[in-house]
Amino acid sequence: MFGLSELAIILIVVIALVLAKKGPEVARNAGKSARILKAEARAMKEAEEQQATDTPPRVIQGETIPNRTEHPPADGTRP
């Protein structure tokens, strides 16, 4: 019967055979994914920078109303 060391050697050989066949394809796909991710991150950063420089923040002049839970007077006058 097989011992633990023999099973480990067989497992290592099987993994090596699978990696020899699929390893380059997996590495190529990982590289493509990394390039796509990097390009998308760069595009998002450039879009944020351009948006920040193109449009200044809008300031709307108005009056501040405090948060109140009571209702306004029924006669329409301001408190």
Protein backbone atom coordinates (compact mmCIF):
# COMPACT_ATOMS: atom_id res chain seq x y z
CA MET A 1 0.00 0.00 0.00
CA PHE A 2 1.03 3.63 -0.42
CA GLY A 3 2.41 5.63 2.45
CA LEU A 4 2.03 9.35 3.08
CA SER A 5 5.30 10.26 1.36
CA GLU A 6 4.40 8.31 -1.79
CA LEU A 7 0.99 10.00 -1.98
CA ALA A 8 2.61 13.42 -1.55
CA ILE A 9 5.04 12.71 -4.41
CA ILE A 10 2.20 11.56 -6.69
CA LEU A 11 0.18 14.66 -5.80
CA ILE A 12 3.14 16.93 -6.55
CA VAL A 13 3.69 15.25 -9.93
CA VAL A 14 0.01 15.61 -10.87
CA ILE A 15 -0.01 19.29 -9.87
CA ALA A 16 3.20 19.89 -11.86
CA LEU A 17 1.67 18.27 -14.96
CA VAL A 18 -1.50 20.36 -14.70
CA LEU A 19 0.49 23.58 -14.16
CA ALA A 20 2.78 22.79 -17.09
CA LYS A 21 -0.25 22.62 -19.34
CA LYS A 22 -2.41 25.45 -17.93
CA GLY A 23 0.22 27.63 -16.21
CA PRO A 24 1.12 29.93 -19.11
CA GLU A 25 -2.55 30.49 -19.96
CA VAL A 26 -3.38 31.37 -16.36
CA ALA A 27 -0.42 33.74 -16.12
CA ARG A 28 -1.35 35.42 -19.41
CA ASN A 29 -4.95 35.92 -18.28
CA ALA A 30 -3.80 37.32 -14.94
CA GLY A 31 -1.54 39.80 -16.75
CA LYS A 32 -4.37 40.94 -19.02
CA SER A 33 -6.67 41.40 -16.04
CA ALA A 34 -4.05 43.44 -14.20
CA ARG A 35 -3.53 45.71 -17.23
CA ILE A 36 -7.28 46.25 -17.64
CA LEU A 37 -7.69 47.05 -13.94
CA LYS A 38 -4.79 49.51 -14.04
CA ALA A 39 -6.16 51.26 -17.15
CA GLU A 40 -9.65 51.56 -15.63
CA ALA A 41 -8.24 52.97 -12.37
CA ARG A 42 -6.20 55.53 -14.33
CA ALA A 43 -9.26 56.53 -16.40
CA MET A 44 -11.38 56.99 -13.27
CA LYS A 45 -8.68 59.14 -11.67
CA GLU A 46 -8.37 61.32 -14.79
CA ALA A 47 -12.16 61.72 -15.01
CA GLU A 48 -12.35 62.80 -11.35
CA GLU A 49 -9.52 65.30 -11.83
CA GLN A 50 -11.13 66.77 -14.95
CA GLN A 51 -14.52 67.03 -13.27
CA ALA A 52 -12.94 68.79 -10.31
CA THR A 53 -11.24 71.38 -12.54
CA ASP A 54 -14.12 71.89 -15.00
CA THR A 55 -17.03 72.80 -12.78
CA PRO A 56 -16.64 74.94 -9.67
CA PRO A 57 -19.08 74.19 -6.88
CA ARG A 58 -22.42 76.00 -7.11
CA VAL A 59 -23.24 78.41 -4.32
CA ILE A 60 -26.89 79.27 -3.95
CA GLN A 61 -27.67 82.33 -1.87
CA GLY A 62 -30.64 81.88 0.38
CA GLU A 63 -31.92 81.88 3.87
CA THR A 64 -31.21 79.15 6.38
CA ILE A 65 -34.25 77.61 7.99
CA PRO A 66 -33.66 75.96 11.37
CA ASN A 67 -35.01 72.46 11.88
CA ARG A 68 -38.20 72.77 13.85
CA THR A 69 -40.87 70.24 14.65
CA GLU A 70 -43.62 72.78 15.31
CA HIS A 71 -46.02 73.93 12.60
CA PRO A 72 -45.98 77.47 11.16
CA PRO A 73 -48.64 79.91 12.40
CA ALA A 74 -52.04 79.49 10.78
CA ASP A 75 -52.36 83.21 9.91
CA GLY A 76 -49.35 83.06 7.54
CA THR A 77 -47.09 85.40 9.53
CA ARG A 78 -43.53 84.51 10.21
CA PRO A 79 -42.41 83.82 13.77
